[in-house]
C-alpha atoms as a PDB file:
ATOM      1  CA  MET A   1       0.583  16.350 -22.419  1.00  0.00           C
ATOM      2  CA  ALA A   2      -0.064  14.390 -25.569  1.00  0.00           C
ATOM      3  CA  ASP A   3       1.186  15.477 -28.951  1.00  0.00           C
ATOM      4  CA  PRO A   4      -1.659  17.490 -30.546  1.00  0.00           C
ATOM      5  CA  LEU A   5      -0.946  15.908 -33.917  1.00  0.00           C
ATOM      6  CA  ALA A   6      -1.134  12.357 -32.550  1.00  0.00           C
ATOM      7  CA  LEU A   7      -4.916  12.151 -32.836  1.00  0.00           C
ATOM      8  CA  ALA A   8      -4.861  13.446 -36.392  1.00  0.00           C
ATOM      9  CA  GLN A   9      -2.189  10.893 -37.280  1.00  0.00           C
ATOM     10  CA  ILE A  10      -4.235   8.039 -35.815  1.00  0.00           C
ATOM     11  CA  VAL A  11      -7.375   9.198 -37.633  1.00  0.00           C
ATOM     12  CA  GLU A  12      -5.469   9.384 -40.902  1.00  0.00           C
ATOM     13  CA  ALA A  13      -3.706   6.036 -40.467  1.00  0.00           C
ATOM     14  CA  GLN A  14      -6.891   4.171 -39.523  1.00  0.00           C
ATOM     15  CA  GLN A  15      -9.132   6.041 -41.967  1.00  0.00           C
ATOM     16  CA  ARG A  16     -11.790   6.330 -39.260  1.00  0.00           C
ATOM     17  CA  PRO A  17     -13.831   9.276 -38.008  1.00  0.00           C
ATOM     18  CA  ARG A  18     -12.221  11.324 -35.244  1.00  0.00           C
ATOM     19  CA  ALA A  19     -15.250  10.706 -33.001  1.00  0.00           C
ATOM     20  CA  ALA A  20     -14.852   6.921 -33.343  1.00  0.00           C
ATOM     21  CA  VAL A  21     -11.168   7.080 -32.374  1.00  0.00           C
ATOM     22  CA  ILE A  22     -11.975   9.275 -29.365  1.00  0.00           C
ATOM     23  CA  ARG A  23     -14.843   6.996 -28.345  1.00  0.00           C
ATOM     24  CA  ASP A  24     -12.521   3.956 -28.446  1.00  0.00           C
ATOM     25  CA  ALA A  25      -9.918   5.821 -26.399  1.00  0.00           C
ATOM     26  CA  VAL A  26     -12.452   6.776 -23.727  1.00  0.00           C
ATOM     27  CA  GLU A  27     -13.802   3.213 -23.553  1.00  0.00           C
ATOM     28  CA  ALA A  28     -10.262   1.838 -23.163  1.00  0.00           C
ATOM     29  CA  TYR A  29      -9.465   4.386 -20.449  1.00  0.00           C
ATOM     30  CA  ILE A  30     -12.605   3.504 -18.492  1.00  0.00           C
ATOM     31  CA  ALA A  31     -11.911  -0.232 -18.815  1.00  0.00           C
ATOM     32  CA  ASN A  32      -8.367   0.236 -17.484  1.00  0.00           C
ATOM     33  CA  HIS A  33      -9.442   2.469 -14.598  1.00  0.00           C
ATOM     34  CA  ALA A  34     -12.643   0.787 -13.508  1.00  0.00           C
ATOM     35  CA  ARG A  35     -13.188   0.248  -9.804  1.00  0.00           C
ATOM     36  CA  PRO A  36     -13.588  -3.348  -8.693  1.00  0.00           C
ATOM     37  CA  SER A  37     -17.145  -4.412  -8.072  1.00  0.00           C
ATOM     38  CA  GLY A  38     -18.147  -5.867  -4.746  1.00  0.00           C
ATOM     39  CA  ALA A  39     -18.070  -9.367  -6.223  1.00  0.00           C
ATOM     40  CA  GLU A  40     -14.373  -9.013  -7.064  1.00  0.00           C
ATOM     41  CA  VAL A  41     -13.385  -8.185  -3.493  1.00  0.00           C
ATOM     42  CA  PHE A  42     -15.981 -10.200  -1.579  1.00  0.00           C
ATOM     43  CA  GLY A  43     -14.255 -12.614   0.787  1.00  0.00           C
ATOM     44  CA  ALA A  44     -10.836 -11.004   0.440  1.00  0.00           C
ATOM     45  CA  TRP A  45     -10.381 -11.020   4.230  1.00  0.00           C
ATOM     46  CA  ARG A  46     -11.426 -14.652   4.855  1.00  0.00           C
ATOM     47  CA  ASP A  47      -7.869 -16.070   4.846  1.00  0.00           C
ATOM     48  CA  LYS A  48      -6.547 -13.494   7.310  1.00  0.00           C
ATOM     49  CA  ARG A  49      -5.685 -14.748  10.793  1.00  0.00           C
ATOM     50  CA  LEU A  50      -6.201 -11.342  12.399  1.00  0.00           C
ATOM     51  CA  ASP A  51      -9.692 -10.158  13.261  1.00  0.00           C
ATOM     52  CA  GLY A  52     -10.784  -7.169  11.179  1.00  0.00           C
ATOM     53  CA  LEU A  53     -11.422  -4.984  14.227  1.00  0.00           C
ATOM     54  CA  GLU A  54      -8.028  -5.873  15.710  1.00  0.00           C
ATOM     55  CA  TYR A  55      -6.390  -4.987  12.407  1.00  0.00           C
ATOM     56  CA  GLN A  56      -8.161  -1.641  12.316  1.00  0.00           C
ATOM     57  CA  GLN A  57      -7.107  -0.851  15.882  1.00  0.00           C
ATOM     58  CA  THR A  58      -3.500  -1.827  15.111  1.00  0.00           C
ATOM     59  CA  LEU A  59      -3.425   0.521  12.134  1.00  0.00           C
ATOM     60  CA  ARG A  60      -4.949   3.357  14.112  1.00  0.00           C
ATOM     61  CA  SER A  61      -2.479   2.915  16.963  1.00  0.00           C
ATOM     62  CA  GLU A  62       0.317   3.748  14.491  1.00  0.00           C
ATOM     63  CA  TRP A  63      -1.049   7.277  14.039  1.00  0.00           C
END
């Protein structure tokens, strides 16, 4: 858990409203944990030599 005084120290050091510091923190968290869009993963399988269905069956046979 974070130090409860850390936010107060940041607010004081930056001389900014608490809400603005929290807003920036939430925006940074979302940016770092965003899911990839379809465009970022489209075509990711094209260089694979194994057919997608064969790959799926191989994985399932390991269960």
